[in-house]
């Protein structure tokens, strides 16, 4: 598809868009309108507004704070609206490759660096930017978000290496309430898993249980455990409580109800970490959980606290604040 011609903006025009109602940023010669993303930014809109009307090249490449990955730049490119008139920081080849689509990862800036990183996972800024399903499928050859996902995964023949690379490259589904998983009455049966053997059964189970949450981390309907599944999984614990506390029916019911209440609190905390602005303590917890999604999915498993990460040595080191000029 031929590239579309985008407008050119003066430096003054870009700088004037520095509010929550109209927020633009630049990266080299490219201008991005990120207004729609300010309110959805998991780390808070203030961080974006701090760079409103400014160039974000340095903060994107800041390894002390968080060096953004290829996926981050791909999603940022979806906000691309034009070019800065007076910037020469991006080479002509990068500029030509940036029109209407994904920039080739081998195109370089004037200093020889890649246009965007090719290692690591996406940053939290990517969470709520809509993914173009057709472009995503064309580029990555993984799953088509317009069709039921499970069948594609089952018959896809993906290797474990490719699967892990793709399932941890976050997408944001924009086609409706939730991306189709089965496309039939089995839709509610989304679960949570931990074990991943290298075969299609294991990969498919992982995707059903937890992988889909990493693949579509801002999908509101694939985050909290479905009630139908919860009833199925909770029934054995009801029997277990009565088996352990056989001598006192009230004690068994109390312990069981307490366990259910605790899990509900856990699930609600997880949901709020993804979808709500929170008090200062929970903002720190939110950043920690999002670091698990976008910096190191093999560590940082704690959702409500870091306690068990400390016990098992899987705690994530805190991200350092951005360097100031």
Protein backbone atom coordinates (compact mmCIF):
# COMPACT_ATOMS: atom_id res chain seq x y z
CA UNK A 1 0.00 0.00 0.00
CA UNK A 2 1.53 3.34 -0.98
CA UNK A 3 2.54 5.73 1.78
CA UNK A 4 0.28 8.68 2.47
CA UNK A 5 1.64 12.21 2.50
CA UNK A 6 1.76 13.68 5.99
CA UNK A 7 1.89 17.39 6.85
CA UNK A 8 4.88 19.30 8.17
CA UNK A 9 4.63 21.28 11.43
CA UNK A 10 6.79 24.11 12.69
CA UNK A 11 8.52 23.88 16.04
CA UNK A 12 6.16 26.51 17.44
CA UNK A 13 3.12 24.51 16.33
CA UNK A 14 4.39 21.38 18.06
CA UNK A 15 5.23 23.23 21.29
CA UNK A 16 1.77 24.77 21.41
CA UNK A 17 0.19 21.32 21.81
CA UNK A 18 1.28 20.85 25.41
CA UNK A 19 -1.94 20.24 27.34
CA UNK A 20 -4.08 17.27 28.29
CA UNK A 21 -6.57 18.33 25.60
CA UNK A 22 -3.94 18.37 22.86
CA UNK A 23 -0.64 16.65 23.52
CA UNK A 24 1.98 16.27 20.80
CA UNK A 25 5.53 14.99 21.05
CA UNK A 26 8.35 14.57 18.56
CA UNK A 27 11.04 12.01 17.95
CA UNK A 28 13.60 13.36 15.56
CA UNK A 29 11.69 14.53 12.49
CA UNK A 30 8.44 12.75 13.36
CA UNK A 31 5.49 14.34 15.16
CA UNK A 32 3.05 12.26 17.20
CA UNK A 33 -0.38 13.15 18.62
CA UNK A 34 -0.60 11.19 21.89
CA UNK A 35 -3.62 13.06 23.31
CA UNK A 36 -5.84 9.98 23.44
CA UNK A 37 -3.18 8.11 25.40
CA UNK A 38 -2.63 10.64 28.22
CA UNK A 39 -5.62 9.49 30.27
CA UNK A 40 -4.83 5.81 29.77
CA UNK A 41 -1.14 5.93 30.63
CA UNK A 42 -0.67 3.29 33.38
CA UNK A 43 2.04 5.34 35.09
CA UNK A 44 -0.15 8.45 35.09
CA UNK A 45 -0.69 11.15 32.49
CA UNK A 46 1.69 13.56 34.22
CA UNK A 47 4.69 11.70 32.88
CA UNK A 48 3.52 12.22 29.30
CA UNK A 49 2.52 15.84 29.89
CA UNK A 50 6.03 16.49 31.20
CA UNK A 51 7.24 15.95 27.63
CA UNK A 52 4.28 17.56 25.85
CA UNK A 53 5.48 19.63 22.90
CA UNK A 54 9.00 18.28 23.30
CA UNK A 55 11.28 15.66 21.77
CA UNK A 56 11.18 12.27 23.50
CA UNK A 57 14.17 10.63 21.82
CA UNK A 58 16.36 10.77 24.92
CA UNK A 59 13.81 9.40 27.36
CA UNK A 60 12.96 6.55 25.00
CA UNK A 61 16.63 5.54 24.81
CA UNK A 62 17.40 6.14 28.50
CA UNK A 63 18.69 2.78 29.73
CA UNK A 64 18.69 4.00 33.35
CA UNK A 65 14.94 4.61 33.28
CA UNK A 66 13.85 2.03 30.71
CA UNK A 67 15.11 1.52 27.18
CA UNK A 68 12.02 1.01 25.08
CA UNK A 69 11.67 -2.00 22.82
CA UNK A 70 10.68 -2.51 19.20
CA UNK A 71 7.06 -2.95 20.22
CA UNK A 72 7.02 0.45 21.93
CA UNK A 73 8.11 2.20 18.77
CA UNK A 74 5.67 0.25 16.63
CA UNK A 75 2.75 1.43 18.74
CA UNK A 76 4.09 4.99 18.94
CA UNK A 77 4.19 4.98 15.16
CA UNK A 78 0.41 4.55 15.12
CA UNK A 79 0.17 8.08 16.58
CA UNK A 80 2.33 9.54 13.82
CA UNK A 81 0.65 12.61 12.29
CA UNK A 82 3.43 14.44 10.44
CA UNK A 83 6.97 15.77 10.43
CA UNK A 84 8.83 18.57 12.19
CA UNK A 85 9.91 21.24 9.71
CA UNK A 86 13.31 22.10 11.12
CA UNK A 87 14.65 18.84 12.55
CA UNK A 88 17.63 17.09 11.02
CA UNK A 89 18.23 14.50 13.71
CA UNK A 90 16.71 11.70 11.67
CA UNK A 91 18.31 10.55 8.46
CA UNK A 92 16.48 10.82 5.16
CA UNK A 93 16.27 7.03 4.90
CA UNK A 94 14.53 6.83 8.29
CA UNK A 95 12.13 9.58 7.30
CA UNK A 96 11.20 7.87 4.06
CA UNK A 97 10.64 4.59 5.84
CA UNK A 98 8.40 6.12 8.50
CA UNK A 99 5.43 7.02 6.31
CA UNK A 100 2.24 5.08 6.96
CA UNK A 101 3.45 1.86 8.50
CA UNK A 102 6.06 0.16 10.58
CA UNK A 103 9.58 1.48 10.29
CA UNK A 104 12.11 -1.16 9.31
CA UNK A 105 14.13 -2.00 12.39
CA UNK A 106 17.38 -1.76 10.40
CA UNK A 107 16.80 1.86 9.31
CA UNK A 108 19.12 4.06 11.35
CA UNK A 109 19.19 7.58 12.68
CA UNK A 110 21.88 10.07 11.84
CA UNK A 111 24.14 8.70 14.58
CA UNK A 112 23.83 5.13 13.28
CA UNK A 113 21.54 3.80 16.00
CA UNK A 114 18.47 1.70 15.06
CA UNK A 115 15.24 3.61 14.68
CA UNK A 116 13.90 1.48 17.52
CA UNK A 117 15.25 -1.19 19.79
CA UNK A 118 15.10 -4.84 18.75
CA UNK A 119 15.41 -6.51 22.16
CA UNK A 120 13.42 -6.55 25.39
CA UNK A 121 9.68 -6.09 25.94
CA UNK A 122 7.34 -3.16 25.59
CA UNK A 123 7.13 -0.35 28.11
CA UNK A 124 3.97 0.52 30.00
CA UNK A 125 3.27 3.40 27.60
CA UNK A 126 2.12 0.85 25.01
CA UNK A 127 -0.79 -0.48 27.02
CA UNK A 128 -3.76 1.42 25.68
CA UNK A 129 -2.72 2.32 22.14
CA UNK A 130 -4.93 0.45 19.67
CA UNK A 131 -3.29 -2.25 17.58
CA UNK A 132 -4.04 -2.47 13.87
CA UNK A 133 -4.87 -6.20 13.57
CA UNK A 134 -4.12 -6.43 9.85
CA UNK A 135 -0.76 -4.67 10.14
CA UNK A 136 0.19 -6.65 13.24
CA UNK A 137 -0.58 -9.99 11.56
CA UNK A 138 1.22 -8.98 8.38
CA UNK A 139 4.37 -7.99 10.25
CA UNK A 140 4.59 -10.70 12.92
CA UNK A 141 2.74 -13.67 11.35
CA UNK A 142 1.38 -14.72 14.74
CA UNK A 143 -2.35 -14.34 15.48
CA UNK A 144 -5.03 -12.43 13.60
CA UNK A 145 -7.00 -10.46 16.20
CA UNK A 146 -10.01 -10.40 13.88
CA UNK A 147 -10.48 -14.18 14.11
CA UNK A 148 -10.84 -16.60 17.08
CA UNK A 149 -7.39 -16.88 18.59
CA UNK A 150 -7.35 -20.42 19.98
CA UNK A 151 -7.74 -22.23 16.66
CA UNK A 152 -4.97 -20.15 15.12
CA UNK A 153 -2.66 -21.02 17.99
CA UNK A 154 -3.53 -24.72 17.99
CA UNK A 155 -2.92 -25.17 14.28
CA UNK A 156 -0.18 -22.56 13.98
CA UNK A 157 2.78 -24.89 14.61
CA UNK A 158 4.67 -22.17 16.51
CA UNK A 159 7.88 -22.95 18.32
CA UNK A 160 8.18 -22.20 22.01
CA UNK A 161 10.78 -19.49 21.31
CA UNK A 162 8.57 -17.70 18.77
CA UNK A 163 5.47 -18.09 20.95
CA UNK A 164 7.15 -16.55 24.00
CA UNK A 165 8.51 -13.69 21.91
CA UNK A 166 5.09 -12.87 20.45
CA UNK A 167 2.82 -13.48 23.45
CA UNK A 168 4.90 -11.01 25.48
CA UNK A 169 4.68 -8.35 22.77
CA UNK A 170 1.53 -6.58 24.06
CA UNK A 171 -1.34 -5.70 21.77
CA UNK A 172 -4.44 -3.64 22.49
CA UNK A 173 -7.59 -4.97 20.87
CA UNK A 174 -9.89 -2.28 19.49
CA UNK A 175 -12.50 -4.35 17.65
CA UNK A 176 -15.02 -4.62 20.47
CA UNK A 177 -15.40 -5.61 24.10
CA UNK A 178 -12.86 -8.42 23.88
CA UNK A 179 -10.81 -10.25 21.29
CA UNK A 180 -12.44 -13.57 20.22
CA UNK A 181 -10.75 -16.53 21.87
CA UNK A 182 -12.94 -19.48 20.84
CA UNK A 183 -15.66 -17.78 18.81
CA UNK A 184 -18.32 -19.98 20.47
CA UNK A 185 -19.93 -20.85 23.82
CA UNK A 186 -16.50 -21.55 25.34
CA UNK A 187 -15.57 -17.85 25.38
CA UNK A 188 -15.96 -17.44 29.19
CA UNK A 189 -13.47 -20.21 29.98
CA UNK A 190 -10.30 -18.14 30.29
CA UNK A 191 -7.97 -19.35 33.04
CA UNK A 192 -4.58 -18.85 34.69
CA UNK A 193 -1.54 -21.15 34.36
CA UNK A 194 2.09 -21.51 35.35
CA UNK A 195 3.60 -24.53 33.55
CA UNK A 196 4.66 -24.42 29.90
CA UNK A 197 5.86 -27.59 28.10
CA UNK A 198 7.18 -27.18 24.57
CA UNK A 199 4.26 -28.61 22.59
CA UNK A 200 1.00 -27.30 21.20
CA UNK A 201 -1.03 -28.64 24.12
CA UNK A 202 1.18 -26.83 26.62
CA UNK A 203 1.30 -23.60 24.60
CA UNK A 204 -2.46 -23.63 24.09
CA UNK A 205 -3.11 -24.25 27.79
CA UNK A 206 -0.75 -21.45 28.73
CA UNK A 207 -2.50 -19.11 26.32
CA UNK A 208 -5.91 -20.00 27.77
CA UNK A 209 -4.77 -19.72 31.36
CA UNK A 210 -2.48 -16.71 31.35
CA UNK A 211 -0.80 -16.01 28.02
CA UNK A 212 -3.80 -14.11 26.67
CA UNK A 213 -3.48 -11.64 29.57
CA UNK A 214 0.10 -10.86 28.57
CA UNK A 215 -0.83 -10.76 24.89
CA UNK A 216 -3.77 -8.36 25.53
CA UNK A 217 -2.91 -6.84 28.93
CA UNK A 218 -5.55 -4.09 28.74
CA UNK A 219 -8.44 -6.39 27.77
CA UNK A 220 -10.86 -5.77 30.64
CA UNK A 221 -12.74 -9.00 30.03
CA UNK A 222 -9.75 -11.35 30.15
CA UNK A 223 -8.33 -10.15 33.48
CA UNK A 224 -10.68 -11.17 36.30
CA UNK A 225 -11.50 -14.88 36.54
CA UNK A 226 -14.86 -15.68 34.85
CA UNK A 227 -17.60 -16.64 37.38
CA UNK A 228 -18.28 -19.96 35.62
CA UNK A 229 -14.65 -21.02 35.86
CA UNK A 230 -14.42 -19.76 39.42
CA UNK A 231 -17.32 -21.99 40.50
CA UNK A 232 -15.66 -25.00 38.90
CA UNK A 233 -12.31 -24.36 40.58
CA UNK A 234 -13.75 -23.29 43.94
CA UNK A 235 -15.93 -26.37 44.44
CA UNK A 236 -13.03 -28.71 45.43
CA UNK A 237 -11.83 -26.18 48.02
CA UNK A 238 -15.28 -26.20 49.60
CA UNK A 239 -14.97 -29.96 50.00
CA UNK A 240 -11.40 -29.58 51.29
CA UNK A 241 -12.47 -27.09 53.95
CA UNK A 242 -15.12 -29.51 55.23
CA UNK A 243 -12.60 -32.37 55.14
CA UNK A 244 -10.06 -30.48 57.25
CA UNK A 245 -12.63 -28.95 59.62
CA UNK A 246 -14.93 -31.99 59.78
CA UNK A 247 -15.56 -31.41 63.46
CA UNK A 248 -17.07 -27.92 63.00
CA UNK A 249 -19.29 -26.96 60.06
CA UNK A 250 -19.16 -23.26 60.93
CA UNK A 251 -15.36 -23.24 60.99
CA UNK A 252 -15.25 -24.90 57.56
CA UNK A 253 -17.64 -22.36 56.06
CA UNK A 254 -15.79 -19.45 57.69
CA UNK A 255 -12.40 -20.57 56.37
CA UNK A 256 -13.82 -21.20 52.90
CA UNK A 257 -15.60 -17.83 52.80
CA UNK A 258 -12.42 -16.12 53.96
CA UNK A 259 -10.46 -17.75 51.15
CA UNK A 260 -13.03 -16.68 48.56
CA UNK A 261 -13.03 -13.13 49.91
CA UNK A 262 -9.22 -13.00 49.81
CA UNK A 263 -9.15 -14.15 46.19
CA UNK A 264 -11.80 -11.61 45.20
CA UNK A 265 -9.66 -8.87 46.80
CA UNK A 266 -6.63 -10.16 44.87
CA UNK A 267 -8.52 -10.18 41.57
CA UNK A 268 -9.90 -6.68 42.15
CA UNK A 269 -6.41 -5.41 43.01
CA UNK A 270 -5.09 -6.89 39.76
CA UNK A 271 -7.89 -5.22 37.80
CA UNK A 272 -7.34 -1.83 39.42
CA UNK A 273 -3.58 -2.00 38.80
CA UNK A 274 -4.36 -2.14 35.09
CA UNK A 275 -7.38 0.14 34.79
CA UNK A 276 -7.60 2.75 37.57
CA UNK A 277 -5.72 5.73 38.98
CA UNK A 278 -4.68 4.77 42.48
CA UNK A 279 -3.33 6.28 45.75
CA UNK A 280 0.44 6.69 46.09
CA UNK A 281 1.10 3.23 47.61
CA UNK A 282 -0.85 1.48 44.92
CA UNK A 283 0.78 3.56 42.18
CA UNK A 284 4.11 2.08 43.26
CA UNK A 285 2.56 -1.39 43.22
CA UNK A 286 1.06 -0.64 39.80
CA UNK A 287 4.45 0.32 38.37
CA UNK A 288 5.92 -2.87 39.85
CA UNK A 289 3.24 -5.05 38.24
CA UNK A 290 3.54 -3.29 34.88
CA UNK A 291 7.29 -3.79 35.08
CA UNK A 292 6.49 -7.53 35.16
CA UNK A 293 4.48 -7.10 31.94
CA UNK A 294 6.90 -4.84 30.06
CA UNK A 295 10.38 -5.28 31.48
CA UNK A 296 10.81 -8.83 32.82
CA UNK A 297 7.93 -11.32 32.64
CA UNK A 298 10.09 -14.03 34.24
CA UNK A 299 10.23 -12.14 37.54
CA UNK A 300 7.98 -9.88 39.60
CA UNK A 301 5.00 -12.21 39.99
CA UNK A 302 3.59 -10.47 43.07
CA UNK A 303 0.36 -8.57 42.40
CA UNK A 304 -0.78 -7.42 45.84
CA UNK A 305 2.74 -7.24 47.35
CA UNK A 306 6.39 -8.13 46.74
CA UNK A 307 6.54 -10.51 49.72
CA UNK A 308 6.75 -13.83 47.88
CA UNK A 309 9.06 -12.36 45.24
CA UNK A 310 11.45 -11.55 48.06
CA UNK A 311 11.06 -15.07 49.49
CA UNK A 312 11.76 -16.81 46.16
CA UNK A 313 14.31 -14.34 44.81
CA UNK A 314 12.15 -13.11 41.93
CA UNK A 315 11.81 -9.48 43.03
CA UNK A 316 12.26 -6.86 40.32
CA UNK A 317 14.76 -4.08 40.89
CA UNK A 318 13.08 -0.63 40.88
CA UNK A 319 13.33 1.37 37.68
CA UNK A 320 15.51 4.43 38.03
CA UNK A 321 14.00 7.88 37.41
CA UNK A 322 14.65 9.44 34.00
CA UNK A 323 17.81 11.49 33.58
CA UNK A 324 17.20 15.20 33.62
CA UNK A 325 18.89 17.57 31.20
